[in-house]
């Protein structure tokens, strides 16, 4: 697509220098956010080897209650997903364990699967460790923590309503006495054997949360939390400093467990999925995708192609509600066509960014809308990678759990309501740095 756009630009008389200058301009504005994305990989690797993520997973699993299985499935998966930043990892570990409990007590599997998917994507939507949570503000032109704060306005009401639905439905299930599934017991005992848990292990999480609340610079806060996690890895988990750095760069590898006298061959597959992750290198695929997407965006912006496409979208849009609805539709169409949630954040984000700024709507509203229309919708489409993965992992067809993935589609509802009632739609003033940057950008283009 980028090559075709470049050929069209050349046909219209634009030079290679014009094209590359536009691409570099797009990338230069997103580099701070891309750096955060890479640092997230560093942080996940250190939190894994330091025991922070295993500790959160361990205590998350401990609270599973068969009596309140459905709402517990939602809450625990949400907790683990926020802690790990991965919907797939959460569904593949705690989600699989919960489905085992559901089978044991005869609970309706589509309902439990819907609750697991809802919980998994609550974290994928809000966790600062999630790639989508980092990509959305890159696409919209806002900051990570501004984006997360904005997401709360659609996510919290959706979370509450979903919890009520799961609680009420759960009360109708007749739960007998059921033993804890063997897989759950194995995961708990293995984590307890592999890692030493104490109050200091959770300190990196406290540092990141405090930094977010105090609005401190993101990268230094994450690096500081990672250093504490590396300290924990060496002094409490008894890994070497070299292994801690390796985990930060390339991700945690269960082969490292040999250092503490444990044979990784004894691990069950689900724990391998959970533990073998993190590292800066794990973010290179997402980073490369961002570079390619902005190479495409920079090329088509030279010819004004985006403006032409957007003008077709915007002909009948006269209100904020209409703009947000149009953004959601465009994002949803991109998910269906590309089957890729990440591209579905980047392409519509680039399309609508200037329109939101032109109407003095804060870009964090756009980033929130992108996630409401892409990240949480992707697992509800059967032919996307996310939809296929969730169906295969949980053993329930996508269209069967779709009606019960309540959290995933409620965000759309609240986004549209806020748009048409002009509620929780922060505006930019003439003096806002973001708006001034927009004015300079259009001045340069003119």
Protein backbone atom coordinates (compact mmCIF):
# COMPACT_ATOMS: atom_id res chain seq x y z
CA UNK A 1 0.00 0.00 0.00
CA UNK A 2 2.84 2.38 0.83
CA UNK A 3 4.56 1.63 -2.50
CA UNK A 4 1.31 2.28 -4.40
CA UNK A 5 0.78 5.53 -2.47
CA UNK A 6 4.38 6.53 -3.28
CA UNK A 7 3.89 5.84 -7.00
CA UNK A 8 0.73 7.97 -6.97
CA UNK A 9 2.61 10.77 -5.20
CA UNK A 10 5.42 10.56 -7.79
CA UNK A 11 2.84 10.62 -10.62
CA UNK A 12 1.35 13.80 -9.11
CA UNK A 13 4.77 15.46 -9.15
CA UNK A 14 5.98 14.99 -5.56
CA UNK A 15 9.63 14.11 -5.06
CA UNK A 16 11.25 11.40 -2.93
CA UNK A 17 12.44 14.13 -0.57
CA UNK A 18 8.83 15.31 -0.10
CA UNK A 19 7.73 11.78 0.76
CA UNK A 20 10.58 10.96 3.16
CA UNK A 21 10.25 14.33 4.90
CA UNK A 22 6.58 13.61 5.54
CA UNK A 23 7.35 10.11 6.87
CA UNK A 24 10.10 11.41 9.18
CA UNK A 25 7.76 14.15 10.41
CA UNK A 26 5.14 11.57 11.39
CA UNK A 27 7.68 9.32 13.12
CA UNK A 28 9.45 12.11 15.00
CA UNK A 29 6.23 13.07 16.77
CA UNK A 30 5.56 9.47 17.83
CA UNK A 31 9.09 8.50 18.93
CA UNK A 32 8.56 9.31 22.65
CA UNK A 33 5.54 7.00 22.72
CA UNK A 34 7.40 4.29 20.77
CA UNK A 35 10.21 4.51 23.35
CA UNK A 36 7.62 3.91 26.09
CA UNK A 37 6.43 0.86 24.15
CA UNK A 38 9.96 -0.58 24.16
CA UNK A 39 10.44 0.25 27.86
CA UNK A 40 7.21 -1.66 28.60
CA UNK A 41 8.92 -4.78 27.25
CA UNK A 42 11.90 -4.05 29.55
CA UNK A 43 9.52 -3.67 32.49
CA UNK A 44 7.59 -6.90 31.80
CA UNK A 45 10.82 -8.89 31.58
CA UNK A 46 12.09 -7.58 34.93
CA UNK A 47 8.71 -7.95 36.65
CA UNK A 48 8.62 -11.57 35.51
CA UNK A 49 12.07 -12.56 36.75
CA UNK A 50 11.61 -10.46 39.91
CA UNK A 51 8.43 -12.39 40.81
CA UNK A 52 6.04 -9.43 40.61
CA UNK A 53 3.81 -10.81 37.85
CA UNK A 54 3.90 -14.42 39.18
CA UNK A 55 2.89 -13.12 42.63
CA UNK A 56 -0.13 -11.25 41.24
CA UNK A 57 -1.19 -14.29 39.21
CA UNK A 58 -0.77 -16.54 42.26
CA UNK A 59 -3.03 -14.48 44.51
CA UNK A 60 -5.46 -13.87 41.65
CA UNK A 61 -5.99 -17.60 41.24
CA UNK A 62 -6.30 -18.09 45.02
CA UNK A 63 -9.54 -16.08 45.15
CA UNK A 64 -11.43 -18.29 42.68
CA UNK A 65 -14.75 -19.31 44.26
CA UNK A 66 -16.89 -21.97 42.51
CA UNK A 67 -19.99 -20.52 44.20
CA UNK A 68 -19.52 -17.19 42.41
CA UNK A 69 -17.68 -18.62 39.44
CA UNK A 70 -18.89 -16.30 36.68
CA UNK A 71 -18.27 -12.97 38.39
CA UNK A 72 -15.05 -14.35 39.88
CA UNK A 73 -13.95 -15.37 36.37
CA UNK A 74 -14.45 -11.78 35.23
CA UNK A 75 -12.74 -10.15 38.20
CA UNK A 76 -9.76 -12.50 38.47
CA UNK A 77 -9.04 -12.47 34.73
CA UNK A 78 -9.30 -8.66 34.76
CA UNK A 79 -6.86 -8.48 37.68
CA UNK A 80 -4.35 -10.82 36.02
CA UNK A 81 -4.70 -9.02 32.68
CA UNK A 82 -4.04 -5.61 34.26
CA UNK A 83 -1.03 -7.11 36.06
CA UNK A 84 0.44 -8.77 32.98
CA UNK A 85 -0.79 -6.50 30.18
CA UNK A 86 -1.74 -9.46 28.00
CA UNK A 87 -5.24 -10.66 27.18
CA UNK A 88 -3.92 -13.77 25.44
CA UNK A 89 -1.65 -14.73 28.33
CA UNK A 90 -4.46 -14.19 30.84
CA UNK A 91 -6.92 -16.28 28.85
CA UNK A 92 -4.32 -18.98 28.24
CA UNK A 93 -3.48 -19.38 31.93
CA UNK A 94 -6.10 -18.28 34.45
CA UNK A 95 -8.80 -18.42 31.74
CA UNK A 96 -8.10 -22.07 30.98
CA UNK A 97 -8.10 -22.87 34.71
CA UNK A 98 -11.48 -21.15 35.12
CA UNK A 99 -12.94 -23.09 32.19
CA UNK A 100 -11.78 -26.25 33.96
CA UNK A 101 -13.69 -25.22 37.09
CA UNK A 102 -16.74 -24.44 34.95
CA UNK A 103 -16.65 -27.89 33.36
CA UNK A 104 -16.31 -29.49 36.79
CA UNK A 105 -19.45 -27.88 38.19
CA UNK A 106 -21.52 -27.97 35.00
CA UNK A 107 -21.62 -24.18 34.58
CA UNK A 108 -22.64 -22.82 31.14
CA UNK A 109 -19.32 -22.63 29.27
CA UNK A 110 -20.28 -19.79 26.84
CA UNK A 111 -21.16 -17.54 29.81
CA UNK A 112 -17.90 -18.29 31.64
CA UNK A 113 -15.92 -17.85 28.42
CA UNK A 114 -17.61 -14.49 27.85
CA UNK A 115 -16.67 -13.43 31.37
CA UNK A 116 -13.06 -14.53 30.81
CA UNK A 117 -12.82 -12.61 27.51
CA UNK A 118 -14.36 -9.54 29.15
CA UNK A 119 -11.87 -9.66 32.01
CA UNK A 120 -8.92 -10.34 29.71
CA UNK A 121 -9.70 -7.29 27.58
CA UNK A 122 -10.38 -5.04 30.57
CA UNK A 123 -6.67 -5.34 31.33
CA UNK A 124 -5.63 -5.24 27.68
CA UNK A 125 -7.52 -1.95 27.44
CA UNK A 126 -6.18 -0.31 30.61
CA UNK A 127 -2.86 -1.86 31.61
CA UNK A 128 0.20 0.35 30.99
CA UNK A 129 1.96 -2.92 30.08
CA UNK A 130 -0.39 -3.61 27.15
CA UNK A 131 0.75 -2.91 23.58
CA UNK A 132 -2.70 -1.64 22.56
CA UNK A 133 -2.83 0.73 25.55
CA UNK A 134 0.45 2.19 24.32
CA UNK A 135 -0.43 2.22 20.62
CA UNK A 136 -3.74 4.10 20.98
CA UNK A 137 -2.18 7.30 22.41
CA UNK A 138 0.55 7.08 19.74
CA UNK A 139 -2.14 7.02 17.05
CA UNK A 140 -4.18 9.85 18.61
CA UNK A 141 -1.32 12.10 19.69
CA UNK A 142 -1.77 12.03 23.46
CA UNK A 143 0.16 10.57 26.41
CA UNK A 144 -0.11 7.12 27.96
CA UNK A 145 -1.53 8.18 31.32
CA UNK A 146 -3.90 10.75 29.81
CA UNK A 147 -5.22 7.93 27.64
CA UNK A 148 -5.65 5.52 30.56
CA UNK A 149 -7.44 8.20 32.59
CA UNK A 150 -9.78 8.88 29.68
CA UNK A 151 -10.46 5.16 29.22
CA UNK A 152 -11.85 4.95 32.75
CA UNK A 153 -14.95 6.92 31.73
CA UNK A 154 -16.17 4.14 29.43
CA UNK A 155 -14.44 1.21 31.16
CA UNK A 156 -15.60 1.68 34.76
CA UNK A 157 -19.37 1.88 34.00
CA UNK A 158 -18.97 -1.07 31.62
CA UNK A 159 -17.11 -2.99 34.34
CA UNK A 160 -19.85 -2.31 36.91
CA UNK A 161 -22.71 -3.31 34.59
CA UNK A 162 -20.84 -6.43 33.44
CA UNK A 163 -20.24 -7.38 37.10
CA UNK A 164 -23.96 -7.04 37.86
CA UNK A 165 -24.88 -9.18 34.86
CA UNK A 166 -22.38 -11.91 35.78
CA UNK A 167 -23.44 -11.86 39.43
CA UNK A 168 -27.15 -12.21 38.64
CA UNK A 169 -26.58 -14.94 36.06
CA UNK A 170 -24.25 -16.74 38.47
CA UNK A 171 -26.90 -16.87 41.19
CA UNK A 172 -29.03 -19.05 38.91
CA UNK A 173 -26.35 -21.71 38.59
CA UNK A 174 -26.67 -24.69 40.92
CA UNK A 175 -23.18 -25.25 42.29
CA UNK A 176 -22.43 -28.49 44.05
CA UNK A 177 -19.30 -29.40 45.97
CA UNK A 178 -16.46 -29.45 43.51
CA UNK A 179 -12.78 -30.03 44.09
CA UNK A 180 -10.25 -27.53 42.81
CA UNK A 181 -9.15 -28.75 39.34
CA UNK A 182 -5.73 -30.39 39.22
CA UNK A 183 -4.42 -27.77 36.78
CA UNK A 184 -5.23 -24.93 39.21
CA UNK A 185 -3.54 -26.76 42.07
CA UNK A 186 -0.48 -27.44 39.90
CA UNK A 187 -0.16 -23.79 38.83
CA UNK A 188 -0.39 -22.58 42.43
CA UNK A 189 2.07 -25.09 43.83
CA UNK A 190 4.57 -24.51 41.01
CA UNK A 191 4.50 -20.71 41.37
CA UNK A 192 4.95 -21.10 45.11
CA UNK A 193 7.93 -23.38 44.53
CA UNK A 194 9.58 -21.19 41.90
CA UNK A 195 9.24 -17.73 43.43
CA UNK A 196 9.62 -16.18 46.85
CA UNK A 197 6.67 -13.90 47.65
CA UNK A 198 6.88 -11.01 50.12
CA UNK A 199 5.67 -7.42 50.35
CA UNK A 200 8.72 -6.00 48.53
CA UNK A 201 7.93 -8.06 45.42
CA UNK A 202 4.84 -5.89 44.82
CA UNK A 203 6.81 -2.61 45.24
CA UNK A 204 7.38 -2.10 41.45
CA UNK A 205 3.58 -2.00 40.98
CA UNK A 206 3.24 0.60 43.74
CA UNK A 207 5.95 2.73 42.09
CA UNK A 208 4.19 2.70 38.70
CA UNK A 209 0.80 3.49 40.26
CA UNK A 210 2.26 6.31 42.36
CA UNK A 211 4.06 7.74 39.33
CA UNK A 212 0.82 7.67 37.37
CA UNK A 213 -1.16 9.41 40.13
CA UNK A 214 1.56 12.03 40.62
CA UNK A 215 1.86 12.49 36.82
CA UNK A 216 5.60 11.85 36.82
CA UNK A 217 7.45 11.23 33.51
CA UNK A 218 6.55 7.74 32.31
CA UNK A 219 9.93 6.37 31.19
CA UNK A 220 11.92 7.24 34.35
CA UNK A 221 9.13 5.79 36.53
CA UNK A 222 9.05 2.55 34.56
CA UNK A 223 12.83 2.25 34.59
CA UNK A 224 12.95 2.82 38.35
CA UNK A 225 10.27 0.16 38.89
CA UNK A 226 12.26 -2.20 36.66
CA UNK A 227 15.47 -1.62 38.65
CA UNK A 228 13.62 -2.53 41.87
CA UNK A 229 12.30 -5.67 40.16
CA UNK A 230 15.86 -6.61 39.11
CA UNK A 231 16.96 -6.15 42.74
CA UNK A 232 14.17 -8.53 43.76
CA UNK A 233 15.26 -11.04 41.11
CA UNK A 234 18.80 -11.17 42.49
CA UNK A 235 18.19 -10.98 46.24
CA UNK A 236 14.84 -12.76 46.66
CA UNK A 237 14.49 -15.04 43.62
CA UNK A 238 18.23 -15.91 43.50
CA UNK A 239 18.75 -15.34 39.80
CA UNK A 240 22.00 -13.76 38.59
CA UNK A 241 22.30 -10.10 37.60
CA UNK A 242 23.17 -11.24 34.07
CA UNK A 243 19.91 -13.20 33.89
CA UNK A 244 18.00 -10.15 35.11
CA UNK A 245 19.44 -8.06 32.28
CA UNK A 246 18.83 -10.86 29.78
CA UNK A 247 15.20 -11.02 30.88
CA UNK A 248 14.92 -7.25 30.44
CA UNK A 249 16.34 -7.44 26.92
CA UNK A 250 15.06 -10.74 25.53
CA UNK A 251 12.36 -11.71 28.01
CA UNK A 252 12.16 -14.30 30.76
CA UNK A 253 13.03 -17.83 29.66
CA UNK A 254 12.06 -20.82 31.79
CA UNK A 255 15.54 -22.25 31.08
CA UNK A 256 16.70 -19.66 33.64
CA UNK A 257 14.96 -21.76 36.30
CA UNK A 258 17.94 -24.14 36.19
CA UNK A 259 19.78 -21.40 38.14
CA UNK A 260 17.49 -22.00 41.13
CA UNK A 261 17.58 -25.78 40.80
CA UNK A 262 14.28 -26.37 38.96
CA UNK A 263 14.00 -28.39 35.75
CA UNK A 264 11.83 -26.39 33.29
CA UNK A 265 10.81 -29.65 31.62
CA UNK A 266 8.53 -30.24 34.61
CA UNK A 267 6.43 -27.14 33.87
CA UNK A 268 2.94 -27.57 32.45
CA UNK A 269 2.33 -25.87 29.11
CA UNK A 270 0.11 -23.11 30.49
CA UNK A 271 2.85 -21.89 32.82
CA UNK A 272 5.31 -21.78 29.94
CA UNK A 273 2.87 -19.48 28.11
CA UNK A 274 2.66 -17.20 31.13
CA UNK A 275 6.33 -17.10 32.11
CA UNK A 276 8.11 -17.04 28.74
CA UNK A 277 7.47 -13.41 27.85
CA UNK A 278 8.61 -9.82 28.23
CA UNK A 279 11.83 -8.13 27.16
CA UNK A 280 12.46 -5.18 24.86
CA UNK A 281 12.80 -7.53 21.89
CA UNK A 282 9.20 -8.68 22.38
CA UNK A 283 8.03 -5.18 21.46
CA UNK A 284 9.99 -4.98 18.20
CA UNK A 285 7.16 -6.52 16.17
CA UNK A 286 4.69 -3.91 17.40
CA UNK A 287 7.29 -1.16 16.93
CA UNK A 288 7.97 -2.30 13.36
CA UNK A 289 4.24 -2.28 12.65
CA UNK A 290 4.06 1.31 13.97
CA UNK A 291 6.97 2.32 11.70
CA UNK A 292 5.28 0.71 8.68
CA UNK A 293 1.92 2.29 9.51
CA UNK A 294 3.46 5.76 9.79
CA UNK A 295 5.48 5.17 6.64
CA UNK A 296 2.14 4.59 4.93
CA UNK A 297 0.50 7.55 6.68
CA UNK A 298 3.39 9.87 5.81
CA UNK A 299 3.26 8.83 2.16
CA UNK A 300 -0.47 9.30 1.65
CA UNK A 301 -0.48 12.58 3.59
CA UNK A 302 1.82 14.09 0.94
CA UNK A 303 -0.99 13.83 -1.62
CA UNK A 304 -3.77 14.68 0.80
CA UNK A 305 -5.39 11.26 0.27
CA UNK A 306 -6.48 10.99 3.91
CA UNK A 307 -8.19 14.35 3.73
CA UNK A 308 -10.17 13.23 0.67
CA UNK A 309 -11.25 9.97 2.32
CA UNK A 310 -12.11 11.77 5.55
CA UNK A 311 -14.17 14.41 3.77
CA UNK A 312 -16.41 11.61 2.45
CA UNK A 313 -16.86 10.31 5.98
CA UNK A 314 -17.55 13.73 7.43
CA UNK A 315 -20.15 15.03 4.94
CA UNK A 316 -23.07 14.10 7.15
CA UNK A 317 -21.30 14.58 10.51
CA UNK A 318 -22.35 17.76 12.29
CA UNK A 319 -22.07 16.87 15.99
CA UNK A 320 -19.57 15.40 18.45
CA UNK A 321 -21.78 12.34 18.77
CA UNK A 322 -21.74 11.91 15.02
CA UNK A 323 -17.95 12.26 14.94
CA UNK A 324 -17.44 9.64 17.66
CA UNK A 325 -19.93 7.27 16.02
CA UNK A 326 -18.18 7.72 12.67
CA UNK A 327 -14.82 7.01 14.32
CA UNK A 328 -16.20 3.83 15.89
CA UNK A 329 -17.65 2.67 12.56
CA UNK A 330 -14.37 3.35 10.72
CA UNK A 331 -12.41 1.53 13.43
CA UNK A 332 -14.79 -1.43 13.40
CA UNK A 333 -14.61 -1.68 9.59
CA UNK A 334 -10.80 -1.64 9.80
CA UNK A 335 -10.90 -4.53 12.30
CA UNK A 336 -13.17 -6.54 9.99
CA UNK A 337 -11.09 -5.84 6.87
CA UNK A 338 -7.55 -6.10 8.26
CA UNK A 339 -8.22 -8.65 11.07
CA UNK A 340 -5.58 -6.71 13.00
CA UNK A 341 -6.39 -4.77 16.17
CA UNK A 342 -3.13 -2.82 16.09
CA UNK A 343 -3.63 -1.50 12.55
CA UNK A 344 -7.21 -0.71 13.56
CA UNK A 345 -5.82 1.73 16.12
CA UNK A 346 -3.14 3.30 13.93
CA UNK A 347 -4.99 3.86 10.64
CA UNK A 348 -8.25 5.43 11.99
CA UNK A 349 -6.17 7.34 14.55
CA UNK A 350 -4.20 8.97 11.77
CA UNK A 351 -7.38 9.61 9.78
CA UNK A 352 -9.31 11.38 12.53
CA UNK A 353 -6.57 13.05 14.61
CA UNK A 354 -6.73 16.40 12.82
CA UNK A 355 -10.54 16.44 12.82
CA UNK A 356 -10.66 16.10 16.60
CA UNK A 357 -8.05 18.85 16.98
CA UNK A 358 -9.87 21.08 14.48
CA UNK A 359 -12.98 20.81 16.67
CA UNK A 360 -10.83 21.40 19.79
CA UNK A 361 -11.62 17.95 21.21
CA UNK A 362 -8.79 16.60 23.34
CA UNK A 363 -6.92 13.77 21.53
CA UNK A 364 -7.42 11.50 24.56
CA UNK A 365 -11.09 11.29 23.51
CA UNK A 366 -9.94 9.93 20.15
CA UNK A 367 -7.54 7.42 21.76
CA UNK A 368 -10.35 6.24 24.05
CA UNK A 369 -12.72 5.85 21.10
CA UNK A 370 -10.14 3.88 19.13
CA UNK A 371 -9.82 1.33 21.91
CA UNK A 372 -13.60 1.14 22.38
CA UNK A 373 -13.96 0.34 18.68
CA UNK A 374 -10.91 -1.85 18.06
CA UNK A 375 -9.09 -3.46 20.99
CA UNK A 376 -12.13 -4.96 22.73
CA UNK A 377 -14.05 -5.68 19.52
CA UNK A 378 -11.30 -7.71 17.84
CA UNK A 379 -11.92 -10.92 19.91
CA UNK A 380 -15.63 -10.78 18.97
CA UNK A 381 -14.86 -11.17 15.24
CA UNK A 382 -14.38 -14.89 14.45
CA UNK A 383 -11.79 -14.51 11.66
CA UNK A 384 -9.37 -12.25 13.55
CA UNK A 385 -6.35 -13.75 15.28
CA UNK A 386 -7.80 -12.73 18.66
CA UNK A 387 -11.20 -14.27 17.94
CA UNK A 388 -9.66 -17.54 16.74
CA UNK A 389 -7.24 -17.67 19.68
CA UNK A 390 -9.93 -17.12 22.32
CA UNK A 391 -12.20 -19.74 20.75
CA UNK A 392 -9.42 -22.32 20.53
CA UNK A 393 -8.01 -21.60 23.99
CA UNK A 394 -11.31 -21.54 25.88
CA UNK A 395 -13.00 -24.27 23.83
CA UNK A 396 -16.05 -22.13 23.00
CA UNK A 397 -16.88 -20.74 19.55
CA UNK A 398 -16.52 -16.98 19.13
CA UNK A 399 -20.19 -16.44 18.26
CA UNK A 400 -21.23 -18.50 21.31
CA UNK A 401 -19.34 -16.40 23.87
CA UNK A 402 -19.96 -13.10 22.00
CA UNK A 403 -23.33 -12.27 23.70
CA UNK A 404 -21.72 -12.83 27.11
CA UNK A 405 -18.61 -10.71 26.52
CA UNK A 406 -20.63 -7.87 28.04
CA UNK A 407 -17.73 -5.59 28.90
CA UNK A 408 -16.37 -5.66 25.34
CA UNK A 409 -19.35 -4.04 23.66
CA UNK A 410 -20.62 -1.80 26.47
CA UNK A 411 -17.73 0.59 25.84
CA UNK A 412 -19.21 1.36 22.42
CA UNK A 413 -22.54 2.20 24.04
CA UNK A 414 -21.04 4.61 26.57
CA UNK A 415 -18.79 6.21 23.95
CA UNK A 416 -21.82 7.05 21.79
CA UNK A 417 -23.89 8.25 24.77
CA UNK A 418 -21.08 10.57 25.92
CA UNK A 419 -20.71 11.90 22.38
CA UNK A 420 -24.36 12.83 21.87
CA UNK A 421 -24.77 14.21 25.41
CA UNK A 422 -21.39 16.01 25.26
CA UNK A 423 -20.45 14.34 28.56
CA UNK A 424 -16.84 13.59 29.53
CA UNK A 425 -15.63 15.14 26.28
CA UNK A 426 -12.76 17.45 27.39
CA UNK A 427 -12.04 20.38 25.09
CA UNK A 428 -8.80 22.10 24.14
CA UNK A 429 -8.24 25.80 24.68
CA UNK A 430 -6.34 28.07 22.31
CA UNK A 431 -3.36 27.99 24.68
CA UNK A 432 -3.09 24.20 25.01
CA UNK A 433 0.25 22.93 23.77
CA UNK A 434 -1.45 20.17 21.75
CA UNK A 435 -3.64 22.70 19.95
CA UNK A 436 -0.72 25.05 19.32
CA UNK A 437 1.23 22.14 17.84
CA UNK A 438 -1.73 21.42 15.56
CA UNK A 439 -1.82 25.05 14.39
CA UNK A 440 1.92 24.94 13.62
CA UNK A 441 1.42 21.67 11.72
CA UNK A 442 -1.33 23.00 9.45
CA UNK A 443 0.63 26.21 8.96
CA UNK A 444 3.63 24.21 7.74
CA UNK A 445 1.44 22.14 5.43
CA UNK A 446 -0.12 25.29 3.98
